[in-house]
């Protein structure tokens, strides 16, 4: 295992992250412990739950609520499709 200080790791972090993603064992000293850099799998199915504590049922309720709000706003004529150039409109082109 290649072991680095925080300063050394920070100096060339992209290099060490690439090395770890290619399977090399990389560790960074943090006090009296070594913290390993390792790739992990990210599953989009549980992202909302892991990151925000939101269940599938919560997401479904939220999506339904937003759909209903959009439908109501369209009926009231307060929602219409934007057909311009947003970047131009805000002065970024």
Protein backbone atom coordinates (compact mmCIF):
# COMPACT_ATOMS: atom_id res chain seq x y z
CA UNK A 1 0.00 0.00 0.00
CA UNK A 2 1.22 3.47 -0.88
CA UNK A 3 0.74 5.62 2.23
CA UNK A 4 0.69 9.42 1.99
CA UNK A 5 0.40 12.35 4.33
CA UNK A 6 -2.60 14.61 3.80
CA UNK A 7 -0.27 17.27 2.39
CA UNK A 8 1.29 14.86 -0.11
CA UNK A 9 -2.10 13.49 -1.13
CA UNK A 10 -3.55 16.99 -1.59
CA UNK A 11 -0.60 18.07 -3.71
CA UNK A 12 -1.46 15.56 -6.45
CA UNK A 13 -4.91 14.28 -5.51
CA UNK A 14 -6.10 13.59 -9.05
CA UNK A 15 -3.14 11.28 -9.63
CA UNK A 16 -3.78 9.33 -6.43
CA UNK A 17 -7.51 9.04 -7.14
CA UNK A 18 -6.76 7.66 -10.60
CA UNK A 19 -4.29 5.18 -9.11
CA UNK A 20 -6.87 4.03 -6.56
CA UNK A 21 -9.56 3.70 -9.25
CA UNK A 22 -7.16 1.47 -11.21
CA UNK A 23 -6.81 -0.87 -8.22
CA UNK A 24 -3.67 0.38 -6.45
CA UNK A 25 -3.92 0.44 -2.66
CA UNK A 26 -3.60 4.06 -1.55
CA UNK A 27 -3.81 5.20 2.05
CA UNK A 28 -3.76 8.65 3.59
CA UNK A 29 -2.55 9.18 7.16
CA UNK A 30 -5.12 10.91 9.33
CA UNK A 31 -3.73 11.22 12.82
CA UNK A 32 -2.77 7.71 13.88
CA UNK A 33 -5.02 5.99 11.30
CA UNK A 34 -4.68 5.19 7.61
CA UNK A 35 -7.76 5.96 5.53
CA UNK A 36 -7.95 3.97 2.30
CA UNK A 37 -8.93 5.36 -1.08
CA UNK A 38 -11.09 2.84 -2.90
CA UNK A 39 -13.67 3.08 -5.65
CA UNK A 40 -17.24 2.36 -4.64
CA UNK A 41 -20.33 1.49 -6.63
CA UNK A 42 -23.06 4.12 -6.61
CA UNK A 43 -26.60 2.88 -7.12
CA UNK A 44 -29.00 5.55 -8.31
CA UNK A 45 -31.96 3.54 -7.06
CA UNK A 46 -31.17 4.35 -3.43
CA UNK A 47 -29.45 7.72 -3.88
CA UNK A 48 -32.33 9.77 -2.46
CA UNK A 49 -32.58 7.48 0.55
CA UNK A 50 -28.86 7.43 1.30
CA UNK A 51 -28.23 11.12 0.67
CA UNK A 52 -31.47 12.66 1.93
CA UNK A 53 -33.36 9.97 3.85
CA UNK A 54 -36.17 10.07 1.27
CA UNK A 55 -37.98 6.80 0.53
CA UNK A 56 -39.46 5.70 -2.80
CA UNK A 57 -42.91 6.43 -1.40
CA UNK A 58 -41.79 9.97 -0.46
CA UNK A 59 -40.44 10.51 -3.98
CA UNK A 60 -43.65 9.23 -5.55
CA UNK A 61 -45.77 11.54 -3.37
CA UNK A 62 -43.51 14.48 -4.24
CA UNK A 63 -43.66 13.75 -7.99
CA UNK A 64 -47.46 13.42 -7.84
CA UNK A 65 -47.74 16.71 -5.94
CA UNK A 66 -45.56 18.53 -8.47
CA UNK A 67 -47.52 17.03 -11.40
CA UNK A 68 -50.77 18.22 -9.83
CA UNK A 69 -49.37 21.71 -9.21
CA UNK A 70 -48.14 21.99 -12.80
CA UNK A 71 -51.52 20.83 -14.13
CA UNK A 72 -53.35 23.41 -11.99
CA UNK A 73 -51.02 26.23 -13.03
CA UNK A 74 -51.54 25.33 -16.70
CA UNK A 75 -55.33 25.39 -16.22
CA UNK A 76 -55.09 28.84 -14.62
CA UNK A 77 -52.96 30.06 -17.54
CA UNK A 78 -50.10 30.96 -15.23
CA UNK A 79 -47.69 28.45 -16.71
CA UNK A 80 -46.46 28.49 -20.26
CA UNK A 81 -43.59 26.98 -22.19
CA UNK A 82 -40.45 29.13 -22.45
CA UNK A 83 -39.23 29.28 -26.03
CA UNK A 84 -36.43 31.84 -25.78
CA UNK A 85 -32.70 31.62 -25.19
CA UNK A 86 -32.13 31.61 -21.44
CA UNK A 87 -28.38 32.33 -21.65
CA UNK A 88 -29.04 35.27 -23.97
CA UNK A 89 -31.84 36.53 -21.74
CA UNK A 90 -29.60 36.59 -18.66
CA UNK A 91 -26.72 38.16 -20.60
CA UNK A 92 -24.30 35.24 -20.75
CA UNK A 93 -23.88 34.97 -24.51
